[in-house]
Amino acid sequence: MLLFLTLLSLAQAPKLELVLALNTSDRDAAEQKLRADPLESATLLSFAMRAVGPVSLHPLMRERGCHVVFGGSPYTTDPSPGNQATKLLLALAHENAAVRTQLARSPSGLDKLLAVLSVWDDAEGIAALGPQLEVVALNEGERRILSGLHQCAMMRMRDAPKRMAVLASLSGRAKKRESCVDAKDLAAYGNRPLTLRGWGSSGDEQVHFTLDADGTTVDANEACVFAAAELAQTRDGNGAPFLMAVVKAKAPREREALALLKQNLDRYPKDGRRDALRLLMSRGLELQALSEFSVEERYGNDDLLEASLLAKDPAAVPQLMSKLSCPFSGELVSLLTLLSDKGKAKAEAKRLSEQCPRASGKAALVLLELKDPKWAAALPMIQADPFSKHEFERGLSPKWSPAVKQQVMAVASKDEAFIKWREQLVRTLDTTAR
């Protein structure tokens, strides 16, 4: 989800803010603005839904009486803004035939499944939707959703034939997406151009990649991506994009990918080399190459700004501080730990934790890392912002200890939502730490 938010923030920050606000007290106002242009909003909401993945449809199916268990596990809910985005998208599809048609004709299997779900209790609507469901490649999670809808249709007598007809049509025309697990699978695509389309996690802590083989979507594991990097290096001298994806996705072989990027730097074309350098520098490597970038590049690019801080460039400190007025997200806040002046870092992190809800989670983690006991005071604000809460929960896990737990439990509050969240947080982290 974080990757999706980062990419979209560059082009659609105002609209993205509305999506994020769907999980806050400003939800009604945000929803009203998104409803003003349903087709445009549906595109953005669809991206948010797809960032969460098929799991985002589970609670919606349950609300429609479809109590199916997938893979031995009951339905799950997702705490991120993408879950609320999916709910609003379902409502727009139910109310607006144009939105429904847009989703039905989308190349995304998840969009098509949501379109079906939006008219699940409308016999005529679901029948009319059938001809619009074009051929689609479904990944494993989407095929399970389709199977679940089949089971629900069979269990419900009312309008079952019409439901089954549409689902059978979609199922019969759906193709299982091609997959690649090693170099042997990759060889099956011959000399077809290979590009990386993206990556994500299905909630099982395993990173999955998506490749494009001259128009064919391919689900790939980490080993296949390494093989693709080697193949691209042989073909055009630039395997960097594939290795960079492994690093950015924080996949298990991240360190191996970093080593290969560093090893092949001089073999990449100019643009590929500069892209690889930026990434290596963001991990504290190849800092001596900063001189290859202009001053504007060094301070205008977040990765190079981090590298400049790591290299102890005094001019980088004011550049960082100028970007932390009240940031859109907490991504840059963690760079405060790189400041030589720890007092200045603590003061800025404390300000952010008190004044900026979206950055409060990362600011609290900075204070914790800098051993400031006041870090826990930000917990109530963190809990109230779903985006900050998601970042905080993920960042707190590796820092969990009996002392940290004691500080969390010492925060005074009578707010029932906060107390419930804290109990769940402590229970989860205690279990993970065992």
Protein backbone atom coordinates (compact mmCIF):
# COMPACT_ATOMS: atom_id res chain seq x y z
CA MET A 1 0.00 0.00 0.00
CA LEU A 2 2.80 2.36 0.87
CA LEU A 3 4.29 2.06 -2.62
CA PHE A 4 0.93 2.96 -4.15
CA LEU A 5 0.57 6.02 -1.90
CA THR A 6 4.08 7.21 -2.68
CA LEU A 7 3.65 6.93 -6.45
CA LEU A 8 0.24 8.56 -6.58
CA SER A 9 1.19 11.38 -4.23
CA LEU A 10 3.42 12.79 -6.97
CA ALA A 11 0.61 13.26 -9.45
CA GLN A 12 -2.67 13.28 -7.54
CA ALA A 13 -1.89 14.49 -4.02
CA PRO A 14 -5.23 16.34 -3.54
CA LYS A 15 -7.27 13.30 -4.64
CA LEU A 16 -5.03 10.97 -2.66
CA GLU A 17 -5.61 13.02 0.46
CA LEU A 18 -9.32 12.37 0.00
CA VAL A 19 -8.71 8.61 -0.21
CA LEU A 20 -6.63 8.70 2.97
CA ALA A 21 -9.31 10.78 4.69
CA LEU A 22 -11.82 7.94 4.21
CA ASN A 23 -10.31 6.39 7.35
CA THR A 24 -10.57 9.54 9.47
CA SER A 25 -13.22 11.69 11.09
CA ASP A 26 -13.36 13.68 7.83
CA ARG A 27 -14.67 10.65 5.95
CA ASP A 28 -18.08 12.12 5.07
CA ALA A 29 -16.60 15.26 3.50
CA ALA A 30 -13.97 13.24 1.61
CA GLU A 31 -16.57 10.80 0.31
CA GLN A 32 -18.79 13.64 -0.88
CA LYS A 33 -15.93 15.16 -2.90
CA LEU A 34 -14.98 11.80 -4.40
CA ARG A 35 -18.60 11.16 -5.39
CA ALA A 36 -18.65 14.43 -7.34
CA ASP A 37 -16.71 12.77 -10.19
CA PRO A 38 -17.46 9.04 -9.90
CA LEU A 39 -15.59 7.84 -13.01
CA GLU A 40 -12.34 9.64 -12.18
CA SER A 41 -12.61 8.70 -8.51
CA ALA A 42 -13.31 5.07 -9.43
CA THR A 43 -9.93 4.89 -11.19
CA LEU A 44 -8.09 6.17 -8.10
CA LEU A 45 -10.11 4.01 -5.70
CA SER A 46 -9.40 0.98 -7.89
CA PHE A 47 -5.64 1.56 -7.55
CA ALA A 48 -6.04 1.70 -3.76
CA MET A 49 -8.09 -1.51 -3.78
CA ARG A 50 -5.56 -3.32 -5.95
CA ALA A 51 -2.72 -2.20 -3.67
CA VAL A 52 -4.43 -4.09 -0.84
CA GLY A 53 -5.24 -7.06 -3.06
CA PRO A 54 -8.05 -9.67 -3.10
CA VAL A 55 -8.27 -9.61 0.71
CA SER A 56 -10.01 -6.22 0.39
CA LEU A 57 -13.11 -7.99 -1.00
CA HIS A 58 -13.41 -10.49 1.86
CA PRO A 59 -15.33 -8.27 4.32
CA LEU A 60 -17.58 -7.01 1.51
CA MET A 61 -18.49 -10.56 0.55
CA ARG A 62 -19.27 -11.34 4.18
CA GLU A 63 -21.59 -8.31 4.37
CA ARG A 64 -23.54 -9.84 1.48
CA GLY A 65 -24.00 -13.11 3.29
CA CYS A 66 -21.11 -14.88 1.59
CA HIS A 67 -19.36 -16.55 4.52
CA VAL A 68 -16.62 -18.48 2.76
CA VAL A 69 -13.29 -19.55 4.24
CA PHE A 70 -10.20 -19.30 2.05
CA GLY A 71 -7.25 -21.61 2.51
CA GLY A 72 -8.29 -22.62 6.00
CA SER A 73 -8.40 -19.01 7.21
CA PRO A 74 -11.50 -16.89 7.85
CA TYR A 75 -12.11 -13.55 6.25
CA THR A 76 -9.66 -10.85 7.20
CA THR A 77 -9.95 -7.08 7.16
CA ASP A 78 -7.27 -4.61 6.19
CA PRO A 79 -6.60 -1.56 8.38
CA SER A 80 -5.15 0.59 5.61
CA PRO A 81 -6.98 3.30 3.63
CA GLY A 82 -7.36 0.85 0.75
CA ASN A 83 -10.08 -1.04 2.62
CA GLN A 84 -12.31 2.03 2.90
CA ALA A 85 -11.53 2.87 -0.72
CA THR A 86 -12.85 -0.55 -1.74
CA LYS A 87 -16.09 0.02 0.17
CA LEU A 88 -16.68 3.37 -1.53
CA LEU A 89 -15.81 1.90 -4.93
CA LEU A 90 -18.38 -0.85 -4.38
CA ALA A 91 -21.02 1.77 -3.55
CA LEU A 92 -20.19 3.82 -6.65
CA ALA A 93 -20.39 0.70 -8.83
CA HIS A 94 -23.74 -0.25 -7.30
CA GLU A 95 -25.20 3.23 -7.89
CA ASN A 96 -23.64 4.10 -11.25
CA ALA A 97 -23.88 1.91 -14.34
CA ALA A 98 -21.02 3.80 -16.04
CA VAL A 99 -18.69 3.01 -13.14
CA ARG A 100 -19.84 -0.61 -13.22
CA THR A 101 -19.11 -0.82 -16.94
CA GLN A 102 -15.69 0.78 -16.47
CA LEU A 103 -14.80 -1.85 -13.86
CA ALA A 104 -16.24 -4.71 -15.91
CA ARG A 105 -14.09 -3.79 -18.91
CA SER A 106 -10.96 -3.15 -16.85
CA PRO A 107 -7.92 -5.39 -17.43
CA SER A 108 -7.87 -6.00 -13.67
CA GLY A 109 -9.56 -9.18 -12.46
CA LEU A 110 -10.21 -7.54 -9.09
CA ASP A 111 -12.12 -4.71 -10.77
CA LYS A 112 -14.33 -7.23 -12.58
CA LEU A 113 -15.03 -9.20 -9.42
CA LEU A 114 -16.03 -6.03 -7.57
CA ALA A 115 -18.38 -5.11 -10.44
CA VAL A 116 -20.09 -8.49 -10.03
CA LEU A 117 -20.31 -8.04 -6.28
CA SER A 118 -21.88 -4.59 -6.71
CA VAL A 119 -25.00 -6.14 -8.31
CA TRP A 120 -24.94 -9.41 -6.37
CA ASP A 121 -28.53 -8.97 -5.17
CA ASP A 122 -29.86 -7.46 -8.41
CA ALA A 123 -30.94 -10.22 -10.80
CA GLU A 124 -31.37 -7.91 -13.80
CA GLY A 125 -28.21 -5.96 -13.03
CA ILE A 126 -26.04 -9.03 -12.80
CA ALA A 127 -27.53 -10.45 -16.00
CA ALA A 128 -26.83 -7.19 -17.85
CA LEU A 129 -23.26 -7.18 -16.58
CA GLY A 130 -22.43 -10.58 -18.06
CA PRO A 131 -21.67 -9.54 -21.67
CA GLN A 132 -19.33 -6.76 -20.48
CA LEU A 133 -16.98 -9.09 -18.59
CA GLU A 134 -14.16 -9.49 -21.08
CA VAL A 135 -11.40 -12.10 -20.91
CA VAL A 136 -9.11 -11.54 -17.95
CA ALA A 137 -6.06 -13.17 -16.38
CA LEU A 138 -6.72 -13.92 -12.72
CA ASN A 139 -4.03 -14.38 -10.09
CA GLU A 140 -4.46 -17.02 -7.40
CA GLY A 141 -6.17 -14.73 -4.88
CA GLU A 142 -8.67 -13.53 -7.48
CA ARG A 143 -9.45 -17.09 -8.56
CA ARG A 144 -10.26 -17.90 -4.93
CA ILE A 145 -12.66 -14.95 -4.80
CA LEU A 146 -14.38 -16.24 -7.94
CA SER A 147 -14.58 -19.73 -6.44
CA GLY A 148 -16.08 -18.26 -3.28
CA LEU A 149 -18.74 -16.43 -5.26
CA HIS A 150 -19.58 -19.70 -7.02
CA GLN A 151 -20.10 -21.40 -3.66
CA CYS A 152 -22.29 -18.56 -2.40
CA ALA A 153 -24.42 -18.61 -5.53
CA MET A 154 -25.02 -22.34 -5.14
CA MET A 155 -26.06 -21.89 -1.50
CA ARG A 156 -28.62 -19.20 -2.30
CA MET A 157 -31.73 -20.23 -4.18
CA ARG A 158 -33.01 -16.76 -5.08
CA ASP A 159 -31.80 -15.76 -8.56
CA ALA A 160 -29.16 -18.50 -8.39
CA PRO A 161 -29.40 -19.41 -12.12
CA LYS A 162 -28.64 -15.85 -13.24
CA ARG A 163 -25.78 -15.52 -10.80
CA MET A 164 -24.35 -18.84 -11.85
CA ALA A 165 -24.61 -17.95 -15.54
CA VAL A 166 -22.55 -14.77 -15.11
CA LEU A 167 -19.99 -16.45 -12.87
CA ALA A 168 -19.68 -19.42 -15.21
CA SER A 169 -19.12 -17.01 -18.09
CA LEU A 170 -16.39 -15.17 -16.22
CA SER A 171 -14.83 -18.41 -14.98
CA GLY A 172 -14.93 -20.05 -18.39
CA ARG A 173 -13.24 -17.15 -20.11
CA ALA A 174 -10.77 -16.35 -17.34
CA LYS A 175 -7.21 -17.37 -17.94
CA LYS A 176 -4.85 -18.39 -15.21
CA ARG A 177 -2.04 -15.87 -15.20
CA GLU A 178 1.28 -17.27 -16.34
CA SER A 179 3.92 -17.80 -13.67
CA CYS A 180 7.70 -17.94 -13.49
CA VAL A 181 9.69 -19.48 -10.64
CA ASP A 182 13.17 -19.93 -12.15
CA ALA A 183 15.41 -19.39 -15.18
CA LYS A 184 13.91 -22.42 -16.92
CA ASP A 185 10.42 -20.87 -16.84
CA LEU A 186 11.86 -17.58 -18.07
CA ALA A 187 13.47 -19.31 -21.05
CA ALA A 188 10.00 -20.24 -22.29
CA TYR A 189 9.48 -16.61 -23.33
CA GLY A 190 12.41 -16.77 -25.72
CA ASN A 191 13.51 -13.38 -27.01
CA ARG A 192 10.28 -11.59 -26.07
CA PRO A 193 10.93 -8.20 -24.37
CA LEU A 194 10.73 -8.39 -20.58
CA THR A 195 9.84 -5.49 -18.31
CA LEU A 196 9.04 -5.23 -14.61
CA ARG A 197 5.49 -4.01 -13.89
CA GLY A 198 5.47 -4.02 -10.09
CA TRP A 199 5.59 -5.97 -6.87
CA GLY A 200 3.58 -6.46 -3.71
CA SER A 201 2.72 -8.79 -0.84
CA SER A 202 -0.40 -10.92 -0.48
CA GLY A 203 -0.25 -10.75 3.30
CA ASP A 204 1.85 -13.89 3.77
CA GLU A 205 5.09 -11.89 4.06
CA GLN A 206 6.20 -13.24 0.68
CA VAL A 207 6.99 -10.68 -2.01
CA HIS A 208 5.48 -11.32 -5.44
CA PHE A 209 6.59 -9.61 -8.64
CA THR A 210 4.77 -8.98 -11.90
CA LEU A 211 6.59 -9.06 -15.23
CA ASP A 212 5.41 -8.19 -18.70
CA ALA A 213 6.59 -10.47 -21.50
CA ASP A 214 5.67 -8.52 -24.64
CA GLY A 215 2.09 -7.97 -23.45
CA THR A 216 1.70 -11.17 -21.41
CA THR A 217 1.35 -10.72 -17.64
CA VAL A 218 3.60 -13.07 -15.67
CA ASP A 219 3.53 -13.64 -11.91
CA ALA A 220 7.14 -14.07 -10.81
CA ASN A 221 8.93 -15.02 -7.62
CA GLU A 222 12.25 -13.59 -6.45
CA ALA A 223 14.37 -16.26 -8.17
CA CYS A 224 12.72 -15.50 -11.49
CA VAL A 225 13.43 -11.77 -11.08
CA PHE A 226 17.11 -12.52 -10.50
CA ALA A 227 17.07 -14.64 -13.65
CA ALA A 228 15.38 -11.79 -15.52
CA ALA A 229 18.11 -9.41 -14.30
CA GLU A 230 20.81 -11.73 -15.62
CA LEU A 231 19.01 -12.12 -18.94
CA ALA A 232 18.52 -8.35 -19.32
CA GLN A 233 22.20 -7.78 -18.51
CA THR A 234 23.14 -10.17 -21.31
CA ARG A 235 20.69 -8.68 -23.81
CA ASP A 236 21.03 -4.93 -23.35
CA GLY A 237 23.52 -4.45 -20.51
CA ASN A 238 20.98 -3.21 -17.99
CA GLY A 239 19.68 -5.66 -15.41
CA ALA A 240 19.44 -2.86 -12.83
CA PRO A 241 15.62 -2.36 -12.90
CA PHE A 242 15.01 -5.97 -11.83
CA LEU A 243 17.60 -5.92 -9.04
CA MET A 244 16.36 -2.53 -7.84
CA ALA A 245 12.85 -3.97 -7.53
CA VAL A 246 14.14 -6.68 -5.19
CA VAL A 247 15.80 -4.02 -3.03
CA LYS A 248 12.83 -1.65 -2.99
CA ALA A 249 10.45 -4.48 -2.16
CA LYS A 250 12.74 -5.50 0.76
CA ALA A 251 12.61 -9.07 -0.47
CA PRO A 252 14.66 -11.80 1.30
CA ARG A 253 17.54 -11.56 -1.20
CA GLU A 254 17.78 -7.76 -0.89
CA ARG A 255 21.45 -7.80 0.21
CA GLU A 256 22.40 -10.05 -2.70
CA ALA A 257 20.66 -7.66 -5.12
CA LEU A 258 22.54 -4.70 -3.61
CA ALA A 259 25.84 -6.52 -4.05
CA LEU A 260 25.08 -7.27 -7.72
CA LEU A 261 24.03 -3.67 -8.36
CA LYS A 262 27.32 -2.46 -6.94
CA GLN A 263 29.31 -5.08 -8.85
CA ASN A 264 27.76 -4.18 -12.21
CA LEU A 265 27.71 -0.37 -11.89
CA ASP A 266 30.26 0.21 -14.63
CA ARG A 267 28.40 -2.15 -16.98
CA TYR A 268 25.10 -0.26 -16.90
CA PRO A 269 24.21 2.48 -19.42
CA LYS A 270 24.34 6.03 -18.04
CA ASP A 271 20.69 6.27 -16.90
CA GLY A 272 20.74 2.77 -15.43
CA ARG A 273 23.95 3.54 -13.56
CA ARG A 274 22.55 6.76 -12.08
CA ASP A 275 19.34 5.00 -11.00
CA ALA A 276 21.36 2.22 -9.37
CA LEU A 277 23.63 4.77 -7.67
CA ARG A 278 20.66 6.59 -6.16
CA LEU A 279 19.38 3.37 -4.67
CA LEU A 280 22.79 2.27 -3.39
CA MET A 281 23.32 5.65 -1.79
CA SER A 282 19.96 5.47 -0.05
CA ARG A 283 21.34 2.33 1.63
CA GLY A 284 24.55 4.09 2.68
CA LEU A 285 26.69 2.67 -0.15
CA GLU A 286 28.78 4.36 -2.86
CA LEU A 287 28.59 7.74 -1.10
CA GLN A 288 31.82 8.86 -2.77
CA ALA A 289 29.88 9.09 -6.05
CA LEU A 290 27.74 11.99 -4.80
CA SER A 291 29.95 14.36 -6.78
CA GLU A 292 28.49 12.87 -9.97
CA PHE A 293 25.15 14.57 -9.21
CA SER A 294 24.43 18.29 -9.32
CA VAL A 295 23.52 20.28 -6.22
CA GLU A 296 19.91 20.49 -7.45
CA GLU A 297 19.76 16.72 -7.86
CA ARG A 298 21.32 16.03 -4.48
CA TYR A 299 18.85 18.12 -2.53
CA GLY A 300 15.82 17.68 -4.77
CA ASN A 301 15.89 13.86 -4.69
CA ASP A 302 15.02 12.22 -1.37
CA ASP A 303 17.42 9.30 -1.91
CA LEU A 304 20.29 11.65 -2.64
CA LEU A 305 19.32 13.89 0.28
CA GLU A 306 19.61 10.85 2.54
CA ALA A 307 22.97 10.02 0.98
CA SER A 308 24.13 13.60 1.59
CA LEU A 309 23.18 13.30 5.25
CA LEU A 310 25.03 10.00 5.51
CA ALA A 311 28.06 11.69 3.96
CA LYS A 312 27.85 14.41 6.68
CA ASP A 313 27.22 17.20 4.19
CA PRO A 314 26.29 20.20 6.43
CA ALA A 315 24.19 21.77 3.65
CA ALA A 316 21.87 18.73 3.67
CA VAL A 317 20.55 19.46 7.16
CA PRO A 318 18.68 22.70 6.31
CA GLN A 319 17.40 21.01 3.15
CA LEU A 320 15.85 18.24 5.24
CA MET A 321 14.39 20.62 7.79
CA SER A 322 12.75 22.68 5.03
CA LYS A 323 10.84 19.55 3.92
CA LEU A 324 9.55 18.68 7.38
CA SER A 325 7.15 21.56 7.99
CA CYS A 326 4.25 19.11 8.27
CA PRO A 327 4.97 16.42 5.68
CA PHE A 328 2.41 14.56 3.60
CA SER A 329 3.80 11.27 4.93
CA GLY A 330 6.39 10.17 7.47
CA GLU A 331 8.93 8.90 4.95
CA LEU A 332 11.50 11.69 5.42
CA VAL A 333 11.02 11.92 9.18
CA SER A 334 13.24 8.90 9.83
CA LEU A 335 16.17 10.82 8.31
CA LEU A 336 16.33 12.85 11.52
CA THR A 337 18.25 9.96 13.06
CA LEU A 338 21.14 10.80 10.69
CA LEU A 339 21.68 14.27 12.14
CA SER A 340 24.87 14.76 14.14
CA ASP A 341 23.04 17.20 16.43
CA LYS A 342 20.82 14.74 18.33
CA GLY A 343 19.25 17.55 20.35
CA LYS A 344 18.03 19.19 17.15
CA ALA A 345 16.76 15.84 15.86
CA LYS A 346 14.82 15.20 19.08
CA ALA A 347 13.28 18.68 19.09
CA GLU A 348 12.07 18.37 15.50
CA ALA A 349 10.74 14.84 16.02
CA LYS A 350 8.89 15.99 19.15
CA ARG A 351 7.31 18.87 17.21
CA LEU A 352 6.17 16.55 14.44
CA SER A 353 4.78 14.00 16.91
CA GLU A 354 2.66 16.72 18.54
CA GLN A 355 1.55 18.74 15.52
CA CYS A 356 1.47 16.49 12.44
CA PRO A 357 -0.88 13.45 12.62
CA ARG A 358 0.29 11.95 9.32
CA ALA A 359 3.94 12.03 10.46
CA SER A 360 3.38 11.24 14.15
CA GLY A 361 4.09 7.52 13.85
CA LYS A 362 7.51 7.93 12.25
CA ALA A 363 8.32 10.84 14.59
CA ALA A 364 7.59 8.67 17.65
CA LEU A 365 9.84 5.93 16.27
CA VAL A 366 12.63 8.49 15.81
CA LEU A 367 12.27 9.60 19.44
CA LEU A 368 12.33 5.99 20.57
CA GLU A 369 15.51 5.33 18.58
CA LEU A 370 17.08 8.46 20.08
CA LYS A 371 16.14 7.15 23.56
CA ASP A 372 13.75 9.99 24.35
CA PRO A 373 11.24 8.67 26.94
CA LYS A 374 8.56 11.10 25.71
CA TRP A 375 8.06 9.16 22.49
CA ALA A 376 5.02 7.29 23.82
CA ALA A 377 3.07 10.52 24.39
CA ALA A 378 2.30 10.53 20.66
CA LEU A 379 0.40 7.21 20.80
CA PRO A 380 -3.14 8.69 20.99
CA MET A 381 -2.50 10.87 17.93
CA ILE A 382 -0.97 7.93 16.07
CA GLN A 383 -3.96 5.73 16.80
CA ALA A 384 -6.33 8.33 15.34
CA ASP A 385 -4.60 8.44 11.94
CA PRO A 386 -4.80 5.14 10.01
CA PHE A 387 -1.87 5.93 7.73
CA SER A 388 0.44 6.90 10.61
CA LYS A 389 -0.80 3.96 12.68
CA HIS A 390 0.03 1.49 9.91
CA GLU A 391 3.60 2.84 9.62
CA PHE A 392 4.06 2.92 13.38
CA GLU A 393 2.90 -0.66 13.98
CA ARG A 394 5.27 -1.94 11.33
CA GLY A 395 8.22 0.11 12.62
CA LEU A 396 7.67 -0.70 16.30
CA SER A 397 7.87 -4.48 15.85
CA PRO A 398 11.69 -4.77 15.59
CA LYS A 399 12.09 -2.39 18.56
CA TRP A 400 9.70 -4.29 20.86
CA SER A 401 11.03 -5.14 24.33
CA PRO A 402 9.72 -5.33 27.93
CA ALA A 403 10.87 -1.74 28.51
CA VAL A 404 9.08 -0.46 25.39
CA LYS A 405 5.95 -2.38 26.38
CA GLN A 406 6.02 -0.75 29.80
CA GLN A 407 6.20 2.70 28.22
CA VAL A 408 3.25 1.89 25.93
CA MET A 409 1.13 0.68 28.83
CA ALA A 410 1.99 3.77 30.91
CA VAL A 411 0.19 6.14 28.51
CA ALA A 412 -2.89 7.46 30.31
CA SER A 413 -6.11 7.51 28.29
CA LYS A 414 -9.83 6.98 28.78
CA ASP A 415 -10.56 6.71 25.06
CA GLU A 416 -12.03 3.26 24.41
CA ALA A 417 -10.79 3.11 20.80
CA PHE A 418 -7.25 3.86 21.93
CA ILE A 419 -7.35 1.32 24.73
CA LYS A 420 -8.69 -1.37 22.41
CA TRP A 421 -6.00 -0.63 19.82
CA ARG A 422 -3.25 -0.65 22.44
CA GLU A 423 -4.38 -4.03 23.77
CA GLN A 424 -4.35 -5.48 20.27
CA LEU A 425 -0.96 -3.91 19.51
CA VAL A 426 0.63 -5.33 22.68
CA ARG A 427 -0.92 -8.76 22.11
CA THR A 428 0.35 -8.87 18.52
CA LEU A 429 3.87 -7.71 19.30
CA ASP A 430 4.17 -9.99 22.32
CA THR A 431 3.26 -12.93 20.09
CA THR A 432 5.67 -11.86 17.35
CA ALA A 433 8.53 -11.41 19.83
CA ARG A 434 8.31 -14.99 21.12
